[in-house]
């Protein structure tokens, strides 16, 4: 163990556990990168299939004693979260996957116009899921293969939302991770580092990155046409 975290309240611990649970649901061997600064902990994960980075920021009851920047097992961290005491022991570090060394920029985010409201985004995801199922069911038995289903998925989820560059797969990821759920009366998650506190859903851009920000977390991804390869990305904390 590399330290102990104390969250602002049990609700923060419960939300973190829910986020980690979703990541583990998609990948039992999932890893997360943790960065703590000031009174917040940023948790980065990469659910497979969606090709996005998911970011959940949790308010801390007190700043960590020393700077924290470590990659750990999502499953071990989930087991370490104690909702009753609103705390968690940080598991031992693991060798991080390549994405853990390539995070979105810390600042320079600017609003991007044209994003539909949350209800419209949830409806777009529902229509796309229904289309995928209909096209899958229409496949002849000899064509119902993984590669053909992947092709259909790429066709649907690579479409952009409204007048933006945001692919539907990013909205699907936000919905699947619980980031697009209806607003609640409780205090939302601490804002993702580099963004102002806000209850609004917004699309932001910085350099070659796009970020869909919600009160419950964000998904970030490279903009279409941005240079590929680790050498083209900025290695910097968020």
Protein backbone atom coordinates (compact mmCIF):
# COMPACT_ATOMS: atom_id res chain seq x y z
CA UNK A 1 0.00 0.00 0.00
CA UNK A 2 1.25 3.49 -0.86
CA UNK A 3 -0.94 5.67 1.35
CA UNK A 4 -4.44 6.39 2.55
CA UNK A 5 -7.08 8.65 1.04
CA UNK A 6 -9.87 10.33 2.98
CA UNK A 7 -12.81 11.41 0.86
CA UNK A 8 -15.01 14.41 1.55
CA UNK A 9 -18.00 12.22 2.41
CA UNK A 10 -19.36 8.68 1.93
CA UNK A 11 -21.10 9.77 -1.26
CA UNK A 12 -17.75 10.53 -2.88
CA UNK A 13 -16.50 7.08 -1.89
CA UNK A 14 -19.65 5.45 -3.28
CA UNK A 15 -19.35 7.29 -6.59
CA UNK A 16 -15.70 6.29 -6.94
CA UNK A 17 -16.59 2.67 -6.20
CA UNK A 18 -19.35 2.78 -8.83
CA UNK A 19 -16.94 4.16 -11.42
CA UNK A 20 -14.30 1.54 -10.63
CA UNK A 21 -16.96 -1.17 -10.73
CA UNK A 22 -17.94 -0.16 -14.25
CA UNK A 23 -14.32 -0.20 -15.40
CA UNK A 24 -13.80 -3.66 -13.92
CA UNK A 25 -17.03 -4.84 -15.56
CA UNK A 26 -15.51 -4.04 -18.96
CA UNK A 27 -12.01 -5.26 -18.08
CA UNK A 28 -11.29 -7.35 -15.00
CA UNK A 29 -7.59 -6.48 -15.32
CA UNK A 30 -8.25 -2.72 -15.66
CA UNK A 31 -5.69 -0.27 -14.30
CA UNK A 32 -6.28 3.34 -13.26
CA UNK A 33 -3.87 6.21 -12.88
CA UNK A 34 -4.34 8.31 -9.75
CA UNK A 35 -3.25 11.92 -9.37
CA UNK A 36 -3.98 13.92 -6.24
CA UNK A 37 -3.48 17.64 -5.93
CA UNK A 38 -5.05 20.14 -3.57
CA UNK A 39 -8.34 18.79 -2.33
CA UNK A 40 -9.15 16.46 -5.23
CA UNK A 41 -8.19 13.07 -6.60
CA UNK A 42 -8.34 12.50 -10.36
CA UNK A 43 -8.83 8.89 -11.47
CA UNK A 44 -8.08 8.02 -15.11
CA UNK A 45 -9.22 4.81 -16.79
CA UNK A 46 -9.57 3.45 -20.30
CA UNK A 47 -12.55 1.15 -20.85
CA UNK A 48 -11.92 -1.15 -23.81
CA UNK A 49 -13.90 -0.81 -27.05
CA UNK A 50 -14.75 2.87 -26.54
CA UNK A 51 -11.22 4.17 -27.29
CA UNK A 52 -11.51 7.07 -24.82
CA UNK A 53 -9.99 8.07 -21.51
CA UNK A 54 -12.48 8.27 -18.66
CA UNK A 55 -11.82 10.73 -15.84
CA UNK A 56 -13.55 10.73 -12.45
CA UNK A 57 -12.58 13.40 -9.93
CA UNK A 58 -13.27 12.86 -6.24
CA UNK A 59 -13.25 15.49 -3.50
CA UNK A 60 -10.88 14.78 -0.62
CA UNK A 61 -11.49 15.64 3.03
CA UNK A 62 -7.91 16.83 3.28
CA UNK A 63 -4.96 17.19 0.90
CA UNK A 64 -2.69 14.18 0.63
CA UNK A 65 0.49 14.44 2.68
CA UNK A 66 2.72 13.98 -0.37
CA UNK A 67 2.15 14.33 -4.09
CA UNK A 68 0.36 11.26 -5.40
CA UNK A 69 0.77 10.06 -8.98
CA UNK A 70 0.56 6.30 -9.34
CA UNK A 71 -1.01 3.61 -11.54
CA UNK A 72 -2.80 0.84 -9.66
CA UNK A 73 -5.17 -2.05 -10.24
CA UNK A 74 -8.76 -0.81 -10.55
CA UNK A 75 -10.03 -4.00 -8.91
CA UNK A 76 -7.67 -3.68 -5.93
CA UNK A 77 -8.61 -0.04 -5.45
CA UNK A 78 -12.30 -0.95 -5.62
CA UNK A 79 -11.78 -3.54 -2.88
CA UNK A 80 -9.91 -0.93 -0.79
CA UNK A 81 -12.68 1.68 -0.89
CA UNK A 82 -14.56 1.80 2.42
CA UNK A 83 -17.79 3.73 1.98
CA UNK A 84 -18.59 3.71 5.71
CA UNK A 85 -15.35 5.48 6.65
CA UNK A 86 -15.18 7.41 3.36
CA UNK A 87 -11.60 6.30 2.83
CA UNK A 88 -9.36 3.98 0.88
CA UNK A 89 -5.90 2.51 1.09
CA UNK A 90 -4.00 3.09 -2.15
CA UNK A 91 -2.83 -0.28 -3.55
CA UNK A 92 0.72 -0.95 -4.62
CA UNK A 93 1.73 0.44 -7.98
CA UNK A 94 1.50 -1.69 -11.10
CA UNK A 95 3.22 -1.42 -14.44
CA UNK A 96 0.90 0.91 -16.29
CA UNK A 97 -0.47 0.30 -19.79
CA UNK A 98 0.73 2.71 -22.53
CA UNK A 99 -2.29 4.99 -22.23
CA UNK A 100 -1.45 5.75 -18.59
CA UNK A 101 1.58 7.76 -19.70
CA UNK A 102 -0.40 9.85 -22.18
CA UNK A 103 -2.97 12.11 -20.54
CA UNK A 104 -4.94 15.07 -21.86
CA UNK A 105 -3.38 18.53 -21.43
CA UNK A 106 -3.72 20.22 -18.08
CA UNK A 107 -5.06 23.53 -19.36
CA UNK A 108 -6.02 25.47 -22.44
CA UNK A 109 -9.52 23.98 -22.67
CA UNK A 110 -12.02 26.10 -24.57
CA UNK A 111 -15.75 25.52 -25.14
CA UNK A 112 -16.85 24.02 -28.45
CA UNK A 113 -20.35 24.98 -29.69
CA UNK A 114 -22.99 22.70 -31.13
CA UNK A 115 -23.33 20.08 -28.37
CA UNK A 116 -26.93 18.86 -27.89
CA UNK A 117 -28.38 18.63 -24.39
CA UNK A 118 -28.03 15.53 -22.21
CA UNK A 119 -31.49 14.18 -23.08
CA UNK A 120 -30.72 14.44 -26.79
CA UNK A 121 -27.38 12.71 -26.25
CA UNK A 122 -28.99 9.85 -24.34
CA UNK A 123 -31.57 9.53 -27.11
CA UNK A 124 -28.82 9.42 -29.74
CA UNK A 125 -27.12 6.58 -27.88
CA UNK A 126 -30.42 4.69 -27.57
CA UNK A 127 -31.10 5.05 -31.31
CA UNK A 128 -27.59 3.86 -32.14
CA UNK A 129 -27.87 0.83 -29.86
CA UNK A 130 -31.22 -0.03 -31.47
CA UNK A 131 -29.70 0.34 -34.95
CA UNK A 132 -26.80 -1.93 -34.04
CA UNK A 133 -29.15 -4.61 -32.76
CA UNK A 134 -31.37 -4.38 -35.83
CA UNK A 135 -28.44 -4.63 -38.24
CA UNK A 136 -26.93 -7.48 -36.26
CA UNK A 137 -30.20 -9.42 -36.29
CA UNK A 138 -30.54 -8.85 -40.04
CA UNK A 139 -27.20 -10.52 -40.76
CA UNK A 140 -27.43 -13.94 -42.42
CA UNK A 141 -26.14 -16.67 -40.09
CA UNK A 142 -22.97 -17.15 -42.13
CA UNK A 143 -22.13 -13.43 -41.78
CA UNK A 144 -22.81 -13.15 -38.05
CA UNK A 145 -19.14 -13.00 -37.16
CA UNK A 146 -17.11 -10.89 -34.77
CA UNK A 147 -15.45 -9.02 -37.63
CA UNK A 148 -18.79 -8.16 -39.24
CA UNK A 149 -20.23 -6.99 -35.94
CA UNK A 150 -17.12 -4.90 -35.35
CA UNK A 151 -17.56 -3.35 -38.80
CA UNK A 152 -21.16 -2.41 -37.99
CA UNK A 153 -20.08 -0.98 -34.65
CA UNK A 154 -17.35 1.15 -36.24
CA UNK A 155 -19.82 2.46 -38.80
CA UNK A 156 -22.33 3.51 -36.15
CA UNK A 157 -20.11 4.73 -33.33
CA UNK A 158 -17.72 6.71 -35.51
CA UNK A 159 -20.54 9.04 -36.57
CA UNK A 160 -20.31 12.49 -35.05
CA UNK A 161 -22.86 14.09 -32.76
CA UNK A 162 -24.80 17.03 -34.16
CA UNK A 163 -22.53 19.70 -35.62
CA UNK A 164 -19.52 18.69 -33.51
CA UNK A 165 -16.47 16.49 -34.08
CA UNK A 166 -17.44 14.32 -31.10
CA UNK A 167 -17.92 10.68 -32.17
CA UNK A 168 -20.94 8.85 -30.81
CA UNK A 169 -18.65 6.29 -29.17
CA UNK A 170 -17.56 8.99 -26.71
CA UNK A 171 -21.18 9.72 -25.81
CA UNK A 172 -21.84 5.98 -25.52
CA UNK A 173 -18.86 5.71 -23.16
CA UNK A 174 -20.12 8.58 -21.02
CA UNK A 175 -23.57 6.97 -20.82
CA UNK A 176 -22.18 3.51 -20.03
CA UNK A 177 -19.90 4.88 -17.29
CA UNK A 178 -22.74 6.74 -15.57
CA UNK A 179 -21.55 10.21 -16.56
CA UNK A 180 -24.76 11.15 -18.44
CA UNK A 181 -27.27 10.18 -15.79
CA UNK A 182 -29.92 12.79 -14.86
CA UNK A 183 -28.78 15.46 -12.43
CA UNK A 184 -29.39 14.87 -8.73
CA UNK A 185 -29.74 17.15 -5.76
CA UNK A 186 -26.50 16.01 -4.14
CA UNK A 187 -23.21 17.83 -4.65
CA UNK A 188 -21.67 16.76 -7.98
CA UNK A 189 -18.17 15.43 -8.31
CA UNK A 190 -15.26 17.80 -8.01
CA UNK A 191 -14.47 19.31 -11.40
CA UNK A 192 -11.85 17.64 -13.53
CA UNK A 193 -8.51 19.41 -13.18
CA UNK A 194 -8.15 22.25 -15.63
CA UNK A 195 -11.90 22.93 -15.80
CA UNK A 196 -14.08 25.35 -13.92
CA UNK A 197 -16.71 23.97 -11.57
CA UNK A 198 -19.96 23.54 -13.46
CA UNK A 199 -23.14 21.49 -13.38
CA UNK A 200 -23.47 21.81 -17.16
CA UNK A 201 -22.54 19.22 -19.74
CA UNK A 202 -20.05 20.76 -22.14
CA UNK A 203 -17.76 19.90 -25.02
CA UNK A 204 -14.23 21.30 -24.69
CA UNK A 205 -11.14 21.25 -26.89
CA UNK A 206 -7.45 21.73 -26.21
CA UNK A 207 -4.84 21.12 -28.89
CA UNK A 208 -5.48 17.74 -30.43
CA UNK A 209 -7.94 16.66 -27.72
CA UNK A 210 -11.71 16.77 -27.21
CA UNK A 211 -13.37 16.35 -23.81
CA UNK A 212 -17.01 15.73 -22.98
CA UNK A 213 -17.42 17.09 -19.45
CA UNK A 214 -20.36 16.33 -17.18
CA UNK A 215 -20.97 16.88 -13.45
CA UNK A 216 -20.12 13.21 -12.86
CA UNK A 217 -16.97 12.80 -14.92
CA UNK A 218 -15.42 13.32 -18.33
CA UNK A 219 -14.37 11.35 -21.37
CA UNK A 220 -11.41 12.61 -23.41
CA UNK A 221 -10.12 11.50 -26.80
CA UNK A 222 -7.89 12.59 -29.62
CA UNK A 223 -9.60 14.83 -32.19
CA UNK A 224 -10.20 13.37 -35.65
CA UNK A 225 -7.16 14.01 -37.79
CA UNK A 226 -4.84 14.57 -34.81
CA UNK A 227 -1.40 13.03 -35.17
CA UNK A 228 -1.22 9.43 -34.03
CA UNK A 229 1.53 7.77 -32.06
CA UNK A 230 2.89 8.42 -28.60
CA UNK A 231 5.58 10.68 -29.97
CA UNK A 232 2.94 13.18 -31.10
CA UNK A 233 1.27 13.40 -27.69
CA UNK A 234 2.17 15.44 -24.65
CA UNK A 235 3.29 13.51 -21.56
CA UNK A 236 2.04 15.76 -18.78
CA UNK A 237 -0.17 15.46 -15.71
CA UNK A 238 -3.72 16.67 -15.55
